[in-house]
Amino acid sequence: MIRTMILGGTGLTVTKPAFGALPIQRTAKDEAVPILRRAYEAGIRYFDTANAYTDSEEKLGLALADVRGDVVISTKSLGRDHDTVARHIQLSLERLRTDYIDLFQFHQVSSWQEIDSGAWDAAQEAKAKGYIRHIGVTCHSLAFAREAVASGRFETLQYPFSYLSNDEEQALVRSCLDAGMGFIAMKALAGGLLANARAVHAFMAGQEGVVPIYGIQTMEELNEWLALAEEDPALDDGLQAVIDQDRAQLCGQFCRSCGYCMPCPQGIEIRNCARMDMLIRRSPWRPYFTPEWQAKMNKIKTCLDCGRCKSKCPYHLDTPNVLKYMLKDYWEFYEAHKAEL
């Protein structure tokens, strides 16, 4: 049985878990629509997408338009001015085949000033017209997340949260609860570093007021989350041991793959290259040693040490040095395992 909860003070009843529709943009339409429909028929009632996720909104519209009243849909805009936000809202309504958006979120905000130049007014106007019903914000900056909660302007906060989250991030969740603000957990698998979905589910089930959104792009992924929702395993000693081990190995300074550091002027794929050590050790490693991936990693050699990526990282990583370490570790791993290729 899929759990339900009220999303903060919005009054919206959402399911826990929710369907994160970023990856579905990479799935062919004739495969994506049945996946989304299967999610609905199995009981998932909250779907999160964004205007920037290419055809994700369109796929949701095709799959869910006839059951629109039964689902909660949130979408997002990267717009930073009045006209762009207004245009994005209209485009989202068309793609989603609906006349209202349950939750509109300002996407990847790092300071209030970014959306104070007309963007906020556009959302308020859309709300007054009934095009959107609630307004939230997504971000990766802890400093701005705290500001967003304290401001009282937003009804929800979407922020990275997993069992690797530190004390400050746990405190952020509690501050949302205290403020009557909904908390939506993105990157509940820490950008793919957490491989034990059972442990993730058990941890998230115990987080009061938190609705996790899991990015899904295949029927197999969906069925795994549905099976866990049906079983609803408790956080027993065995799963706690998994969490403790992951925390010991991963907590601290690691790349969350948020992408704030990009684009790199040299074309380095920072968001993946900067966490390669974990990718090759926590998932099947052979796909990361194709000629294409070797070329991506060797691109690190062209780093200019310009510091742009470092200055834009919301987690204060020394990104250029992280990349250099990852390149060295990558080829050392290759030398140790090349006979197995």
Protein backbone atom coordinates (compact mmCIF):
# COMPACT_ATOMS: atom_id res chain seq x y z
CA MET A 1 0.00 0.00 0.00
CA ILE A 2 1.52 3.31 -1.06
CA ARG A 3 1.66 5.83 1.76
CA THR A 4 0.04 9.24 1.48
CA MET A 5 0.76 12.50 3.27
CA ILE A 6 -0.27 16.14 3.20
CA LEU A 7 2.36 18.35 1.58
CA GLY A 8 3.00 20.99 4.21
CA GLY A 9 0.32 23.64 4.40
CA THR A 10 -0.75 23.22 0.78
CA GLY A 11 -3.51 20.75 1.61
CA LEU A 12 -2.35 18.62 -1.32
CA THR A 13 -2.46 14.87 -0.66
CA VAL A 14 0.63 13.33 -2.21
CA THR A 15 1.99 9.81 -2.31
CA LYS A 16 5.21 8.71 -0.70
CA PRO A 17 7.03 7.97 -2.94
CA ALA A 18 6.41 10.34 -5.83
CA PHE A 19 7.36 9.92 -9.47
CA GLY A 20 10.31 12.05 -10.56
CA ALA A 21 9.88 12.68 -14.27
CA LEU A 22 13.31 14.03 -15.18
CA PRO A 23 14.71 10.70 -16.47
CA ILE A 24 11.53 9.89 -18.43
CA GLN A 25 12.63 12.46 -21.01
CA ARG A 26 15.27 9.92 -22.08
CA THR A 27 12.64 7.22 -22.68
CA ALA A 28 10.85 6.88 -26.01
CA LYS A 29 7.30 8.18 -25.91
CA ASP A 30 5.70 4.81 -26.68
CA GLU A 31 7.54 3.37 -23.66
CA ALA A 32 7.25 6.38 -21.35
CA VAL A 33 3.46 6.71 -21.48
CA PRO A 34 2.81 3.10 -20.31
CA ILE A 35 5.34 3.57 -17.48
CA LEU A 36 3.55 6.70 -16.27
CA ARG A 37 0.17 5.04 -16.62
CA ARG A 38 1.36 1.98 -14.72
CA ALA A 39 2.55 4.29 -11.91
CA TYR A 40 -0.90 5.86 -11.70
CA GLU A 41 -2.74 2.55 -11.81
CA ALA A 42 -0.50 1.19 -9.05
CA GLY A 43 -1.37 4.10 -6.78
CA ILE A 44 1.24 6.82 -7.30
CA ARG A 45 -0.55 10.15 -7.29
CA TYR A 46 2.25 12.73 -7.26
CA PHE A 47 4.32 13.46 -10.37
CA ASP A 48 7.12 16.03 -10.48
CA THR A 49 8.46 17.46 -13.73
CA ALA A 50 9.87 20.72 -15.13
CA ASN A 51 9.56 22.95 -18.15
CA ALA A 52 13.26 22.34 -18.83
CA TYR A 53 12.92 18.55 -18.98
CA THR A 54 12.44 18.55 -22.78
CA ASP A 55 9.33 16.41 -23.50
CA SER A 56 8.70 15.18 -19.93
CA GLU A 57 5.64 17.40 -19.45
CA GLU A 58 4.24 16.27 -22.79
CA LYS A 59 4.55 12.62 -21.78
CA LEU A 60 2.76 13.29 -18.50
CA GLY A 61 -0.01 15.01 -20.41
CA LEU A 62 -0.45 12.06 -22.74
CA ALA A 63 -0.50 9.55 -19.88
CA LEU A 64 -2.56 11.40 -17.27
CA ALA A 65 -4.86 13.94 -18.89
CA ASP A 66 -7.94 11.76 -18.47
CA VAL A 67 -7.27 11.27 -14.74
CA ARG A 68 -6.06 14.79 -14.06
CA GLY A 69 -8.31 15.30 -11.07
CA ASP A 70 -6.85 12.25 -9.34
CA VAL A 71 -3.19 13.32 -9.46
CA VAL A 72 -0.98 16.09 -8.12
CA ILE A 73 1.45 17.54 -10.66
CA SER A 74 4.30 19.90 -9.90
CA THR A 75 6.44 21.56 -12.50
CA LYS A 76 9.17 24.17 -12.55
CA SER A 77 10.56 27.14 -14.47
CA LEU A 78 14.12 28.38 -14.77
CA GLY A 79 12.71 31.75 -15.79
CA ARG A 80 14.13 34.78 -14.05
CA ASP A 81 11.92 37.51 -15.48
CA HIS A 82 8.18 38.17 -15.75
CA ASP A 83 7.64 37.29 -19.40
CA THR A 84 9.69 34.09 -19.33
CA VAL A 85 7.91 32.73 -16.26
CA ALA A 86 4.49 33.65 -17.69
CA ARG A 87 5.38 31.96 -20.98
CA HIS A 88 6.70 28.85 -19.25
CA ILE A 89 3.51 28.48 -17.23
CA GLN A 90 1.38 28.65 -20.35
CA LEU A 91 3.64 26.17 -22.13
CA SER A 92 3.47 23.78 -19.17
CA LEU A 93 -0.34 23.95 -19.18
CA GLU A 94 -0.40 23.09 -22.87
CA ARG A 95 2.09 20.24 -22.59
CA LEU A 96 0.42 18.77 -19.52
CA ARG A 97 -3.00 19.04 -21.17
CA THR A 98 -4.46 20.71 -18.11
CA ASP A 99 -5.89 24.06 -17.09
CA TYR A 100 -4.07 24.25 -13.75
CA ILE A 101 -0.78 23.27 -12.12
CA ASP A 102 -0.99 22.05 -8.54
CA LEU A 103 2.48 23.24 -7.56
CA PHE A 104 4.62 25.66 -9.54
CA GLN A 105 8.25 25.83 -8.45
CA PHE A 106 10.98 28.35 -9.19
CA HIS A 107 13.77 26.08 -10.40
CA GLN A 108 17.36 26.03 -9.09
CA VAL A 109 17.28 29.34 -7.26
CA SER A 110 20.33 30.48 -5.31
CA SER A 111 19.23 33.96 -4.21
CA TRP A 112 15.97 35.87 -3.86
CA GLN A 113 17.26 38.54 -6.26
CA GLU A 114 17.17 36.02 -9.12
CA ILE A 115 13.37 35.92 -9.13
CA ASP A 116 12.57 39.35 -7.69
CA SER A 117 12.76 41.13 -11.06
CA GLY A 118 9.22 40.31 -12.22
CA ALA A 119 9.39 36.52 -12.04
CA TRP A 120 7.67 36.44 -8.66
CA ASP A 121 4.93 38.78 -9.90
CA ALA A 122 4.29 36.51 -12.90
CA ALA A 123 3.72 33.54 -10.61
CA GLN A 124 1.39 35.55 -8.38
CA GLU A 125 -0.61 36.69 -11.41
CA ALA A 126 -0.89 33.10 -12.65
CA LYS A 127 -2.06 32.02 -9.21
CA ALA A 128 -4.70 34.75 -9.14
CA LYS A 129 -5.99 33.50 -12.50
CA GLY A 130 -6.14 29.90 -11.27
CA TYR A 131 -3.37 28.65 -13.57
CA ILE A 132 -1.29 27.56 -10.57
CA ARG A 133 -2.49 26.72 -7.09
CA HIS A 134 0.66 26.74 -4.96
CA ILE A 135 4.16 28.19 -5.26
CA GLY A 136 7.39 26.53 -4.17
CA VAL A 137 11.11 26.68 -4.88
CA THR A 138 13.92 24.24 -5.62
CA CYS A 139 17.55 24.84 -4.78
CA HIS A 140 20.91 23.28 -3.91
CA SER A 141 22.16 26.11 -1.72
CA LEU A 142 21.73 25.50 2.00
CA ALA A 143 22.06 29.22 2.69
CA PHE A 144 19.24 30.10 0.32
CA ALA A 145 17.14 27.14 1.47
CA ARG A 146 17.23 28.57 4.98
CA GLU A 147 16.34 31.99 3.61
CA ALA A 148 13.45 30.52 1.62
CA VAL A 149 12.00 28.86 4.73
CA ALA A 150 12.39 31.98 6.85
CA SER A 151 10.86 34.25 4.20
CA GLY A 152 7.41 32.68 4.36
CA ARG A 153 7.03 33.31 0.63
CA PHE A 154 7.06 29.70 -0.51
CA GLU A 155 4.76 26.81 0.33
CA THR A 156 7.26 24.07 -0.48
CA LEU A 157 10.99 23.53 -0.67
CA GLN A 158 12.60 20.93 -2.94
CA TYR A 159 16.14 20.19 -1.82
CA PRO A 160 18.65 17.29 -2.01
CA PHE A 161 18.02 14.94 0.91
CA SER A 162 19.06 11.36 1.56
CA TYR A 163 20.41 9.28 4.40
CA LEU A 164 23.77 10.89 3.67
CA SER A 165 22.41 14.31 4.63
CA ASN A 166 24.28 16.03 7.44
CA ASP A 167 22.96 17.58 10.65
CA GLU A 168 22.43 20.98 9.00
CA GLU A 169 20.28 19.41 6.29
CA GLN A 170 18.31 17.42 8.84
CA ALA A 171 17.72 20.68 10.69
CA LEU A 172 16.46 22.22 7.44
CA VAL A 173 13.77 19.54 7.22
CA ARG A 174 12.71 20.26 10.79
CA SER A 175 12.53 23.98 10.06
CA CYS A 176 10.18 23.27 7.16
CA LEU A 177 7.97 21.19 9.45
CA ASP A 178 7.93 23.99 12.02
CA ALA A 179 7.03 26.53 9.33
CA GLY A 180 4.24 24.38 7.87
CA MET A 181 6.20 24.15 4.64
CA GLY A 182 6.23 21.04 2.46
CA PHE A 183 9.61 19.36 1.99
CA ILE A 184 10.25 17.52 -1.28
CA ALA A 185 13.39 15.38 -1.31
CA MET A 186 15.28 15.33 -4.56
CA LYS A 187 18.33 13.12 -5.09
CA ALA A 188 17.14 10.65 -2.50
CA LEU A 189 19.71 8.23 -3.94
CA ALA A 190 22.45 10.90 -3.67
CA GLY A 191 22.75 11.25 -7.42
CA GLY A 192 22.92 7.50 -7.94
CA LEU A 193 25.56 6.76 -5.30
CA LEU A 194 23.15 4.85 -3.06
CA ALA A 195 22.58 1.42 -4.54
CA ASN A 196 20.34 -0.20 -1.92
CA ALA A 197 16.79 0.92 -2.75
CA ARG A 198 15.43 -1.06 0.18
CA ALA A 199 17.51 0.93 2.65
CA VAL A 200 16.55 4.18 0.93
CA HIS A 201 12.86 3.33 1.14
CA ALA A 202 13.04 2.34 4.80
CA PHE A 203 14.90 5.52 5.71
CA MET A 204 12.54 7.80 3.80
CA ALA A 205 9.47 6.10 5.25
CA GLY A 206 10.55 7.30 8.67
CA GLN A 207 11.10 10.92 7.67
CA GLU A 208 8.13 12.94 8.88
CA GLY A 209 6.87 15.53 6.43
CA VAL A 210 9.26 14.47 3.65
CA VAL A 211 8.05 13.27 0.26
CA PRO A 212 10.83 11.65 -1.80
CA ILE A 213 10.75 11.85 -5.58
CA TYR A 214 12.56 9.00 -7.31
CA GLY A 215 13.66 9.54 -10.88
CA ILE A 216 12.22 6.73 -13.00
CA GLN A 217 12.80 5.91 -16.67
CA THR A 218 12.14 2.18 -17.02
CA MET A 219 9.35 -0.18 -16.05
CA GLU A 220 11.87 -2.22 -14.05
CA GLU A 221 12.79 0.79 -11.91
CA LEU A 222 9.14 1.61 -11.34
CA ASN A 223 8.28 -1.95 -10.38
CA GLU A 224 11.12 -2.03 -7.85
CA TRP A 225 9.78 1.05 -6.06
CA LEU A 226 6.21 -0.26 -6.23
CA ALA A 227 7.27 -3.58 -4.70
CA LEU A 228 9.04 -1.77 -1.88
CA ALA A 229 6.00 0.43 -1.30
CA GLU A 230 3.81 -2.66 -1.08
CA GLU A 231 6.15 -4.48 1.29
CA ASP A 232 7.08 -1.31 3.22
CA PRO A 233 10.13 -2.86 4.94
CA ALA A 234 11.04 -1.55 8.37
CA LEU A 235 14.40 0.02 9.10
CA ASP A 236 15.81 -3.05 10.84
CA ASP A 237 19.35 -3.70 12.04
CA GLY A 238 20.42 -5.08 8.66
CA LEU A 239 19.29 -2.01 6.71
CA GLN A 240 20.69 0.29 9.36
CA ALA A 241 24.03 -1.43 8.88
CA VAL A 242 23.85 -0.67 5.15
CA ILE A 243 23.12 2.97 5.92
CA ASP A 244 25.92 3.18 8.47
CA GLN A 245 28.41 1.71 6.00
CA ASP A 246 27.34 4.11 3.24
CA ARG A 247 27.60 7.03 5.63
CA ALA A 248 31.09 5.98 6.64
CA GLN A 249 32.20 5.72 3.01
CA LEU A 250 30.33 8.62 1.43
CA CYS A 251 29.48 11.33 3.92
CA GLY A 252 31.33 14.60 3.66
CA GLN A 253 32.62 16.19 0.49
CA PHE A 254 31.23 14.46 -2.57
CA CYS A 255 29.72 15.65 -5.84
CA ARG A 256 25.90 15.58 -5.84
CA SER A 257 25.77 15.94 -9.64
CA CYS A 258 23.60 19.06 -9.39
CA GLY A 259 25.20 20.63 -12.46
CA TYR A 260 25.56 24.14 -11.07
CA CYS A 261 29.24 24.03 -12.06
CA MET A 262 28.46 23.57 -15.73
CA PRO A 263 29.07 24.35 -18.52
CA CYS A 264 32.83 24.00 -18.36
CA PRO A 265 34.67 26.22 -20.86
CA GLN A 266 36.77 23.17 -21.80
CA GLY A 267 33.76 20.91 -22.20
CA ILE A 268 34.55 18.70 -19.20
CA GLU A 269 31.47 16.76 -18.06
CA ILE A 270 32.05 17.80 -14.46
CA ARG A 271 28.83 16.49 -12.94
CA ASN A 272 29.80 12.89 -13.71
CA CYS A 273 33.59 13.05 -13.88
CA ALA A 274 33.76 14.58 -10.39
CA ARG A 275 32.21 11.49 -8.80
CA MET A 276 33.73 8.81 -10.99
CA ASP A 277 35.44 7.03 -8.09
CA MET A 278 32.05 6.17 -6.61
CA LEU A 279 30.38 5.39 -9.93
CA ILE A 280 32.93 2.72 -10.83
CA ARG A 281 32.82 1.17 -7.37
CA ARG A 282 29.10 1.29 -6.61
CA SER A 283 27.62 0.27 -9.97
CA PRO A 284 28.67 -1.95 -12.90
CA TRP A 285 32.04 -0.45 -13.82
CA ARG A 286 32.67 -1.74 -17.34
CA PRO A 287 30.32 0.78 -19.05
CA TYR A 288 32.56 3.57 -17.70
CA PHE A 289 35.60 2.30 -19.58
CA THR A 290 34.33 2.57 -23.14
CA PRO A 291 36.36 4.74 -25.54
CA GLU A 292 33.71 7.44 -25.12
CA TRP A 293 34.07 7.52 -21.33
CA GLN A 294 37.85 7.35 -21.50
CA ALA A 295 37.78 10.42 -23.75
CA LYS A 296 35.47 12.22 -21.31
CA MET A 297 37.80 11.54 -18.41
CA ASN A 298 40.92 12.50 -20.34
CA LYS A 299 39.23 15.83 -21.07
CA ILE A 300 40.12 16.67 -17.46
CA LYS A 301 43.72 17.11 -18.67
CA THR A 302 42.59 20.28 -20.47
CA CYS A 303 41.37 21.92 -17.23
CA LEU A 304 42.43 25.58 -17.14
CA ASP A 305 42.18 25.93 -13.36
CA CYS A 306 39.99 28.93 -14.08
CA GLY A 307 38.00 28.31 -10.89
CA ARG A 308 34.56 28.88 -12.44
CA CYS A 309 33.28 25.48 -11.36
CA LYS A 310 34.65 25.91 -7.85
CA SER A 311 33.04 29.34 -7.46
CA LYS A 312 29.63 28.01 -8.54
CA CYS A 313 29.55 24.82 -6.44
CA PRO A 314 26.87 25.19 -3.74
CA TYR A 315 28.68 22.53 -1.69
CA HIS A 316 32.02 24.38 -1.78
CA LEU A 317 33.97 21.58 -3.44
CA ASP A 318 37.47 22.31 -4.69
CA THR A 319 36.26 21.05 -8.05
CA PRO A 320 39.48 21.37 -10.13
CA ASN A 321 41.43 19.29 -7.61
CA VAL A 322 38.55 16.82 -7.27
CA LEU A 323 38.66 16.30 -11.04
CA LYS A 324 42.41 15.74 -11.05
CA TYR A 325 42.07 13.15 -8.30
CA MET A 326 39.25 11.42 -10.20
CA LEU A 327 41.35 11.17 -13.36
CA LYS A 328 44.29 9.65 -11.46
CA ASP A 329 42.00 7.19 -9.63
CA TYR A 330 40.18 6.29 -12.86
CA TRP A 331 43.33 5.13 -14.63
CA GLU A 332 44.65 3.35 -11.55
CA PHE A 333 41.36 1.45 -11.37
CA TYR A 334 41.67 0.65 -15.09
CA GLU A 335 45.18 -0.76 -14.67
CA ALA A 336 43.96 -2.98 -11.83
CA HIS A 337 40.95 -4.28 -13.74
CA LYS A 338 41.80 -4.12 -17.46
CA ALA A 339 42.32 -7.88 -17.66
CA GLU A 340 38.62 -8.28 -16.80
CA LEU A 341 37.38 -6.14 -19.70
